[in-house]
Amino acid sequence: MPDGGNRIIVIQINTTSNPLCLVNVYMPSSSDMSEYRDTLGQLQEILDKYSMSHSVIIAGDMNAMPKRKQSPRDSAFEEFN
């Protein structure tokens, strides 16, 4: 699939029932919040595109702990959920 970028890979697996969309993401770990938010935006676009027609599994390193809320990345990822 041509979605994602250098931090997101999308793979479609055709099954007999419902197509499966595997999304692997490596979120930025630096303090550059604009890159982190841009990557979250790309992830949201992928979810919007495939969630109605595919079962979607997201895996990878989000570089955030939403319940911790000690960094801007933690809060941004919690808002994404």
PDB file of N, CA and C in Angstrom:
ATOM      1  N   MET A   1       0.843  -1.178   0.000  1.00  0.00           N
ATOM      2  CA  MET A   1       0.000   0.000   0.000  1.00  0.00           C
ATOM      3  C   MET A   1       0.888   1.242   0.000  1.00  0.00           C
ATOM      4  N   PRO A   2       0.522   2.244  -0.723  1.00  0.00           N
ATOM      5  CA  PRO A   2       1.367   3.439  -0.816  1.00  0.00           C
ATOM      6  C   PRO A   2       1.178   4.426   0.335  1.00  0.00           C
ATOM      7  N   ASP A   3       0.631   3.987   1.459  1.00  0.00           N
ATOM      8  CA  ASP A   3       0.401   4.885   2.581  1.00  0.00           C
ATOM      9  C   ASP A   3       1.599   4.884   3.512  1.00  0.00           C
ATOM     10  N   GLY A   4       1.604   5.856   4.405  1.00  0.00           N
ATOM     11  CA  GLY A   4       2.680   5.933   5.373  1.00  0.00           C
ATOM     12  C   GLY A   4       3.807   6.795   4.855  1.00  0.00           C
ATOM     13  N   GLY A   5       4.971   6.535   5.341  1.00  0.00           N
ATOM     14  CA  GLY A   5       6.141   7.310   4.968  1.00  0.00           C
ATOM     15  C   GLY A   5       7.355   6.611   5.512  1.00  0.00           C
ATOM     16  N   ASN A   6       8.363   7.388   5.884  1.00  0.00           N
ATOM     17  CA  ASN A   6       9.569   6.743   6.391  1.00  0.00           C
ATOM     18  C   ASN A   6       9.400   6.228   7.817  1.00  0.00           C
ATOM     19  N   ARG A   7       8.279   6.545   8.475  1.00  0.00           N
ATOM     20  CA  ARG A   7       8.030   6.071   9.840  1.00  0.00           C
ATOM     21  C   ARG A   7       6.847   5.114   9.943  1.00  0.00           C
ATOM     22  N   ILE A   8       6.100   4.941   8.872  1.00  0.00           N
ATOM     23  CA  ILE A   8       4.904   4.090   8.911  1.00  0.00           C
ATOM     24  C   ILE A   8       4.922   3.150   7.712  1.00  0.00           C
ATOM     25  N   ILE A   9       4.657   1.878   7.982  1.00  0.00           N
ATOM     26  CA  ILE A   9       4.528   0.875   6.924  1.00  0.00           C
ATOM     27  C   ILE A   9       3.137   0.265   7.033  1.00  0.00           C
ATOM     28  N   VAL A  10       2.450   0.161   5.900  1.00  0.00           N
ATOM     29  CA  VAL A  10       1.108  -0.413   5.863  1.00  0.00           C
ATOM     30  C   VAL A  10       1.142  -1.646   4.972  1.00  0.00           C
ATOM     31  N   ILE A  11       0.629  -2.756   5.500  1.00  0.00           N
ATOM     32  CA  ILE A  11       0.575  -4.015   4.753  1.00  0.00           C
ATOM     33  C   ILE A  11      -0.860  -4.524   4.772  1.00  0.00           C
ATOM     34  N   GLN A  12      -1.368  -4.897   3.606  1.00  0.00           N
ATOM     35  CA  GLN A  12      -2.716  -5.457   3.517  1.00  0.00           C
ATOM     36  C   GLN A  12      -2.614  -6.963   3.329  1.00  0.00           C
ATOM     37  N   ILE A  13      -3.415  -7.688   4.117  1.00  0.00           N
ATOM     38  CA  ILE A  13      -3.491  -9.142   4.002  1.00  0.00           C
ATOM     39  C   ILE A  13      -4.929  -9.487   3.655  1.00  0.00           C
ATOM     40  N   ASN A  14      -5.114 -10.114   2.513  1.00  0.00           N
ATOM     41  CA  ASN A  14      -6.456 -10.518   2.105  1.00  0.00           C
ATOM     42  C   ASN A  14      -6.812 -11.830   2.784  1.00  0.00           C
ATOM     43  N   THR A  15      -7.966 -11.844   3.420  1.00  0.00           N
ATOM     44  CA  THR A  15      -8.462 -13.040   4.085  1.00  0.00           C
ATOM     45  C   THR A  15      -9.797 -13.414   3.472  1.00  0.00           C
ATOM     46  N   THR A  16     -10.320 -14.557   3.853  1.00  0.00           N
ATOM     47  CA  THR A  16     -11.598 -14.989   3.292  1.00  0.00           C
ATOM     48  C   THR A  16     -12.766 -14.177   3.817  1.00  0.00           C
ATOM     49  N   SER A  17     -12.620 -13.564   4.970  1.00  0.00           N
ATOM     50  CA  SER A  17     -13.732 -12.788   5.524  1.00  0.00           C
ATOM     51  C   SER A  17     -13.502 -11.289   5.361  1.00  0.00           C
ATOM     52  N   ASN A  18     -12.693 -10.720   6.199  1.00  0.00           N
ATOM     53  CA  ASN A  18     -12.479  -9.280   6.214  1.00  0.00           C
ATOM     54  C   ASN A  18     -11.004  -8.985   5.957  1.00  0.00           C
ATOM     55  N   PRO A  19     -10.669  -8.102   5.010  1.00  0.00           N
ATOM     56  CA  PRO A  19      -9.254  -7.789   4.787  1.00  0.00           C
ATOM     57  C   PRO A  19      -8.611  -7.238   6.059  1.00  0.00           C
ATOM     58  N   LEU A  20      -7.348  -7.526   6.220  1.00  0.00           N
ATOM     59  CA  LEU A  20      -6.598  -7.096   7.392  1.00  0.00           C
ATOM     60  C   LEU A  20      -5.562  -6.063   6.964  1.00  0.00           C
ATOM     61  N   CYS A  21      -5.449  -5.004   7.725  1.00  0.00           N
ATOM     62  CA  CYS A  21      -4.475  -3.954   7.464  1.00  0.00           C
ATOM     63  C   CYS A  21      -3.538  -3.879   8.666  1.00  0.00           C
ATOM     64  N   LEU A  22      -2.271  -4.217   8.455  1.00  0.00           N
ATOM     65  CA  LEU A  22      -1.266  -4.128   9.511  1.00  0.00           C
ATOM     66  C   LEU A  22      -0.512  -2.816   9.348  1.00  0.00           C
ATOM     67  N   VAL A  23      -0.444  -2.055  10.415  1.00  0.00           N
ATOM     68  CA  VAL A  23       0.243  -0.768  10.387  1.00  0.00           C
ATOM     69  C   VAL A  23       1.365  -0.823  11.413  1.00  0.00           C
ATOM     70  N   ASN A  24       2.591  -0.666  10.957  1.00  0.00           N
ATOM     71  CA  ASN A  24       3.728  -0.619  11.864  1.00  0.00           C
ATOM     72  C   ASN A  24       4.251   0.807  11.863  1.00  0.00           C
ATOM     73  N   VAL A  25       4.409   1.366  13.053  1.00  0.00           N
ATOM     74  CA  VAL A  25       4.821   2.766  13.165  1.00  0.00           C
ATOM     75  C   VAL A  25       5.979   2.903  14.143  1.00  0.00           C
ATOM     76  N   TYR A  26       6.917   3.761  13.795  1.00  0.00           N
ATOM     77  CA  TYR A  26       7.995   4.145  14.703  1.00  0.00           C
ATOM     78  C   TYR A  26       7.903   5.656  14.869  1.00  0.00           C
ATOM     79  N   MET A  27       7.303   6.079  15.975  1.00  0.00           N
ATOM     80  CA  MET A  27       7.098   7.499  16.225  1.00  0.00           C
ATOM     81  C   MET A  27       8.422   8.163  16.588  1.00  0.00           C
ATOM     82  N   PRO A  28       8.570   9.441  16.238  1.00  0.00           N
ATOM     83  CA  PRO A  28       9.803  10.163  16.578  1.00  0.00           C
ATOM     84  C   PRO A  28      10.052  10.165  18.086  1.00  0.00           C
ATOM     85  N   SER A  29      11.307  10.035  18.457  1.00  0.00           N
ATOM     86  CA  SER A  29      11.651  10.043  19.879  1.00  0.00           C
ATOM     87  C   SER A  29      12.304  11.352  20.302  1.00  0.00           C
ATOM     88  N   SER A  30      12.574  12.219  19.351  1.00  0.00           N
ATOM     89  CA  SER A  30      13.201  13.499  19.695  1.00  0.00           C
ATOM     90  C   SER A  30      12.170  14.453  20.289  1.00  0.00           C
ATOM     91  N   SER A  31      12.625  15.598  20.701  1.00  0.00           N
ATOM     92  CA  SER A  31      11.716  16.573  21.306  1.00  0.00           C
ATOM     93  C   SER A  31      10.994  17.413  20.261  1.00  0.00           C
ATOM     94  N   ASP A  32      11.176  17.114  18.976  1.00  0.00           N
ATOM     95  CA  ASP A  32      10.513  17.860  17.904  1.00  0.00           C
ATOM     96  C   ASP A  32       9.044  17.457  17.828  1.00  0.00           C
ATOM     97  N   MET A  33       8.186  18.223  18.479  1.00  0.00           N
ATOM     98  CA  MET A  33       6.764  17.880  18.541  1.00  0.00           C
ATOM     99  C   MET A  33       6.071  18.023  17.196  1.00  0.00           C
ATOM    100  N   SER A  34       6.568  18.881  16.315  1.00  0.00           N
ATOM    101  CA  SER A  34       5.907  19.022  15.016  1.00  0.00           C
ATOM    102  C   SER A  34       6.030  17.732  14.214  1.00  0.00           C
ATOM    103  N   GLU A  35       7.186  17.087  14.263  1.00  0.00           N
ATOM    104  CA  GLU A  35       7.352  15.808  13.566  1.00  0.00           C
ATOM    105  C   GLU A  35       6.476  14.731  14.205  1.00  0.00           C
ATOM    106  N   TYR A  36       6.386  14.738  15.530  1.00  0.00           N
ATOM    107  CA  TYR A  36       5.552  13.756  16.226  1.00  0.00           C
ATOM    108  C   TYR A  36       4.086  13.932  15.828  1.00  0.00           C
ATOM    109  N   ARG A  37       3.603  15.181  15.847  1.00  0.00           N
ATOM    110  CA  ARG A  37       2.206  15.447  15.476  1.00  0.00           C
ATOM    111  C   ARG A  37       1.950  15.147  13.997  1.00  0.00           C
ATOM    112  N   ASP A  38       2.919  15.428  13.132  1.00  0.00           N
ATOM    113  CA  ASP A  38       2.769  15.096  11.711  1.00  0.00           C
ATOM    114  C   ASP A  38       2.610  13.592  11.516  1.00  0.00           C
ATOM    115  N   THR A  39       3.407  12.817  12.234  1.00  0.00           N
ATOM    116  CA  THR A  39       3.325  11.362  12.121  1.00  0.00           C
ATOM    117  C   THR A  39       1.997  10.853  12.669  1.00  0.00           C
ATOM    118  N   LEU A  40       1.513  11.446  13.768  1.00  0.00           N
ATOM    119  CA  LEU A  40       0.179  11.092  14.273  1.00  0.00           C
ATOM    120  C   LEU A  40      -0.891  11.418  13.239  1.00  0.00           C
ATOM    121  N   GLY A  41      -0.737  12.531  12.553  1.00  0.00           N
ATOM    122  CA  GLY A  41      -1.683  12.899  11.501  1.00  0.00           C
ATOM    123  C   GLY A  41      -1.690  11.889  10.369  1.00  0.00           C
ATOM    124  N   GLN A  42      -0.512  11.419   9.963  1.00  0.00           N
ATOM    125  CA  GLN A  42      -0.424  10.385   8.927  1.00  0.00           C
ATOM    126  C   GLN A  42      -1.103   9.104   9.390  1.00  0.00           C
ATOM    127  N   LEU A  43      -0.881   8.751  10.647  1.00  0.00           N
ATOM    128  CA  LEU A  43      -1.504   7.553  11.202  1.00  0.00           C
ATOM    129  C   LEU A  43      -3.024   7.693  11.208  1.00  0.00           C
ATOM    130  N   GLN A  44      -3.519   8.863  11.566  1.00  0.00           N
ATOM    131  CA  GLN A  44      -4.964   9.098  11.571  1.00  0.00           C
ATOM    132  C   GLN A  44      -5.545   8.993  10.163  1.00  0.00           C
ATOM    133  N   GLU A  45      -4.841   9.516   9.164  1.00  0.00           N
ATOM    134  CA  GLU A  45      -5.296   9.414   7.774  1.00  0.00           C
ATOM    135  C   GLU A  45      -5.414   7.955   7.348  1.00  0.00           C
ATOM    136  N   ILE A  46      -4.458   7.141   7.745  1.00  0.00           N
ATOM    137  CA  ILE A  46      -4.498   5.716   7.413  1.00  0.00           C
ATOM    138  C   ILE A  46      -5.690   5.053   8.090  1.00  0.00           C
ATOM    139  N   LEU A  47      -5.912   5.363   9.362  1.00  0.00           N
ATOM    140  CA  LEU A  47      -7.069   4.797  10.069  1.00  0.00           C
ATOM    141  C   LEU A  47      -8.375   5.227   9.413  1.00  0.00           C
ATOM    142  N   ASP A  48      -8.480   6.494   9.056  1.00  0.00           N
ATOM    143  CA  ASP A  48      -9.692   6.989   8.402  1.00  0.00           C
ATOM    144  C   ASP A  48      -9.933   6.268   7.078  1.00  0.00           C
ATOM    145  N   LYS A  49      -8.872   6.000   6.355  1.00  0.00           N
ATOM    146  CA  LYS A  49      -8.981   5.372   5.035  1.00  0.00           C
ATOM    147  C   LYS A  49      -9.377   3.896   5.114  1.00  0.00           C
ATOM    148  N   TYR A  50      -8.841   3.159   6.088  1.00  0.00           N
ATOM    149  CA  TYR A  50      -9.001   1.708   6.091  1.00  0.00           C
ATOM    150  C   TYR A  50      -9.918   1.139   7.169  1.00  0.00           C
ATOM    151  N   SER A  51     -10.262   1.891   8.182  1.00  0.00           N
ATOM    152  CA  SER A  51     -10.980   1.297   9.316  1.00  0.00           C
ATOM    153  C   SER A  51     -12.389   0.822   8.974  1.00  0.00           C
ATOM    154  N   MET A  52     -13.020   1.369   7.951  1.00  0.00           N
ATOM    155  CA  MET A  52     -14.370   0.925   7.588  1.00  0.00           C
ATOM    156  C   MET A  52     -14.355  -0.347   6.735  1.00  0.00           C
ATOM    157  N   SER A  53     -13.279  -0.579   6.010  1.00  0.00           N
ATOM    158  CA  SER A  53     -13.242  -1.718   5.094  1.00  0.00           C
ATOM    159  C   SER A  53     -12.277  -2.821   5.525  1.00  0.00           C
ATOM    160  N   HIS A  54     -11.455  -2.568   6.523  1.00  0.00           N
ATOM    161  CA  HIS A  54     -10.444  -3.524   6.968  1.00  0.00           C
ATOM    162  C   HIS A  54     -10.454  -3.634   8.492  1.00  0.00           C
ATOM    163  N   SER A  55     -10.025  -4.778   8.978  1.00  0.00           N
ATOM    164  CA  SER A  55      -9.644  -4.869  10.386  1.00  0.00           C
ATOM    165  C   SER A  55      -8.238  -4.292  10.462  1.00  0.00           C
ATOM    166  N   VAL A  56      -8.020  -3.355  11.371  1.00  0.00           N
ATOM    167  CA  VAL A  56      -6.737  -2.655  11.432  1.00  0.00           C
ATOM    168  C   VAL A  56      -6.016  -3.003  12.734  1.00  0.00           C
ATOM    169  N   ILE A  57      -4.757  -3.386  12.603  1.00  0.00           N
ATOM    170  CA  ILE A  57      -3.896  -3.638  13.755  1.00  0.00           C
ATOM    171  C   ILE A  57      -2.736  -2.656  13.676  1.00  0.00           C
ATOM    172  N   ILE A  58      -2.539  -1.902  14.755  1.00  0.00           N
ATOM    173  CA  ILE A  58      -1.426  -0.959  14.829  1.00  0.00           C
ATOM    174  C   ILE A  58      -0.395  -1.520  15.801  1.00  0.00           C
ATOM    175  N   ALA A  59       0.847  -1.569  15.358  1.00  0.00           N
ATOM    176  CA  ALA A  59       1.939  -2.061  16.197  1.00  0.00           C
ATOM    177  C   ALA A  59       3.133  -1.133  16.024  1.00  0.00           C
ATOM    178  N   GLY A  60       4.058  -1.235  16.936  1.00  0.00           N
ATOM    179  CA  GLY A  60       5.280  -0.464  16.793  1.00  0.00           C
ATOM    180  C   GLY A  60       5.662   0.258  18.063  1.00  0.00           C
ATOM    181  N   ASP A  61       6.487   1.256  17.906  1.00  0.00           N
ATOM    182  CA  ASP A  61       7.003   2.040  19.027  1.00  0.00           C
ATOM    183  C   ASP A  61       6.399   3.435  18.955  1.00  0.00           C
ATOM    184  N   MET A  62       5.499   3.734  19.878  1.00  0.00           N
ATOM    185  CA  MET A  62       4.817   5.027  19.886  1.00  0.00           C
ATOM    186  C   MET A  62       5.637   6.100  20.608  1.00  0.00           C
ATOM    187  N   ASN A  63       6.690   5.702  21.300  1.00  0.00           N
ATOM    188  CA  ASN A  63       7.532   6.635  22.048  1.00  0.00           C
ATOM    189  C   ASN A  63       6.722   7.569  22.927  1.00  0.00           C
ATOM    190  N   ALA A  64       5.726   6.999  23.600  1.00  0.00           N
ATOM    191  CA  ALA A  64       4.887   7.763  24.523  1.00  0.00           C
ATOM    192  C   ALA A  64       4.275   6.811  25.537  1.00  0.00           C
ATOM    193  N   MET A  65       3.941   7.365  26.675  1.00  0.00           N
ATOM    194  CA  MET A  65       3.220   6.633  27.717  1.00  0.00           C
ATOM    195  C   MET A  65       2.058   7.519  28.143  1.00  0.00           C
ATOM    196  N   PRO A  66       0.886   7.366  27.520  1.00  0.00           N
ATOM    197  CA  PRO A  66      -0.234   8.295  27.738  1.00  0.00           C
ATOM    198  C   PRO A  66      -0.632   8.486  29.193  1.00  0.00           C
ATOM    199  N   LYS A  67      -0.583   7.462  29.990  1.00  0.00           N
ATOM    200  CA  LYS A  67      -0.999   7.594  31.390  1.00  0.00           C
ATOM    201  C   LYS A  67       0.031   8.345  32.229  1.00  0.00           C
ATOM    202  N   ARG A  68       1.254   8.402  31.751  1.00  0.00           N
ATOM    203  CA  ARG A  68       2.336   9.055  32.486  1.00  0.00           C
ATOM    204  C   ARG A  68       2.221  10.580  32.397  1.00  0.00           C
ATOM    205  N   LYS A  69       1.980  11.093  31.210  1.00  0.00           N
ATOM    206  CA  LYS A  69       1.821  12.529  30.938  1.00  0.00           C
ATOM    207  C   LYS A  69       2.998  13.365  31.439  1.00  0.00           C
ATOM    208  N   GLN A  70       4.209  12.868  31.252  1.00  0.00           N
ATOM    209  CA  GLN A  70       5.386  13.624  31.677  1.00  0.00           C
ATOM    210  C   GLN A  70       6.034  14.378  30.529  1.00  0.00           C
ATOM    211  N   SER A  71       5.599  14.109  29.319  1.00  0.00           N
ATOM    212  CA  SER A  71       6.188  14.802  28.179  1.00  0.00           C
ATOM    213  C   SER A  71       5.071  15.217  27.225  1.00  0.00           C
ATOM    214  N   PRO A  72       5.346  16.164  26.342  1.00  0.00           N
ATOM    215  CA  PRO A  72       4.335  16.556  25.354  1.00  0.00           C
ATOM    216  C   PRO A  72       3.908  15.389  24.458  1.00  0.00           C
ATOM    217  N   ARG A  73       4.835  14.450  24.203  1.00  0.00           N
ATOM    218  CA  ARG A  73       4.478  13.277  23.386  1.00  0.00           C
ATOM    219  C   ARG A  73       3.427  12.431  24.087  1.00  0.00           C
ATOM    220  N   ASP A  74       3.551  12.287  25.409  1.00  0.00           N
ATOM    221  CA  ASP A  74       2.569  11.509  26.171  1.00  0.00           C
ATOM    222  C   ASP A  74       1.174  12.100  26.000  1.00  0.00           C
ATOM    223  N   SER A  75       1.064  13.403  26.151  1.00  0.00           N
ATOM    224  CA  SER A  75      -0.239  14.069  26.029  1.00  0.00           C
ATOM    225  C   SER A  75      -0.769  14.004  24.606  1.00  0.00           C
ATOM    226  N   ALA A  76       0.104  14.216  23.619  1.00  0.00           N
ATOM    227  CA  ALA A  76      -0.332  14.179  22.218  1.00  0.00           C
ATOM    228  C   ALA A  76      -0.848  12.794  21.844  1.00  0.00           C
ATOM    229  N   PHE A  77      -0.161  11.751  22.312  1.00  0.00           N
ATOM    230  CA  PHE A  77      -0.617  10.401  21.984  1.00  0.00           C
ATOM    231  C   PHE A  77      -1.924  10.075  22.694  1.00  0.00           C
ATOM    232  N   GLU A  78      -2.081  10.539  23.929  1.00  0.00           N
ATOM    233  CA  GLU A  78      -3.340  10.299  24.640  1.00  0.00           C
ATOM    234  C   GLU A  78      -4.499  10.994  23.926  1.00  0.00           C
ATOM    235  N   GLU A  79      -4.290  12.207  23.419  1.00  0.00           N
ATOM    236  CA  GLU A  79      -5.326  12.904  22.657  1.00  0.00           C
ATOM    237  C   GLU A  79      -5.670  12.140  21.385  1.00  0.00           C
ATOM    238  N   PHE A  80      -4.674  11.500  20.774  1.00  0.00           N
ATOM    239  CA  PHE A  80      -4.892  10.718  19.555  1.00  0.00           C
ATOM    240  C   PHE A  80      -5.821   9.545  19.822  1.00  0.00           C
ATOM    241  N   ASN A  81      -5.657   8.891  20.980  1.00  0.00           N
ATOM    242  CA  ASN A  81      -6.499   7.750  21.327  1.00  0.00           C
ATOM    243  C   ASN A  81      -7.907   8.216  21.432  1.00  0.00           C
TER     244      ASN A  81
END
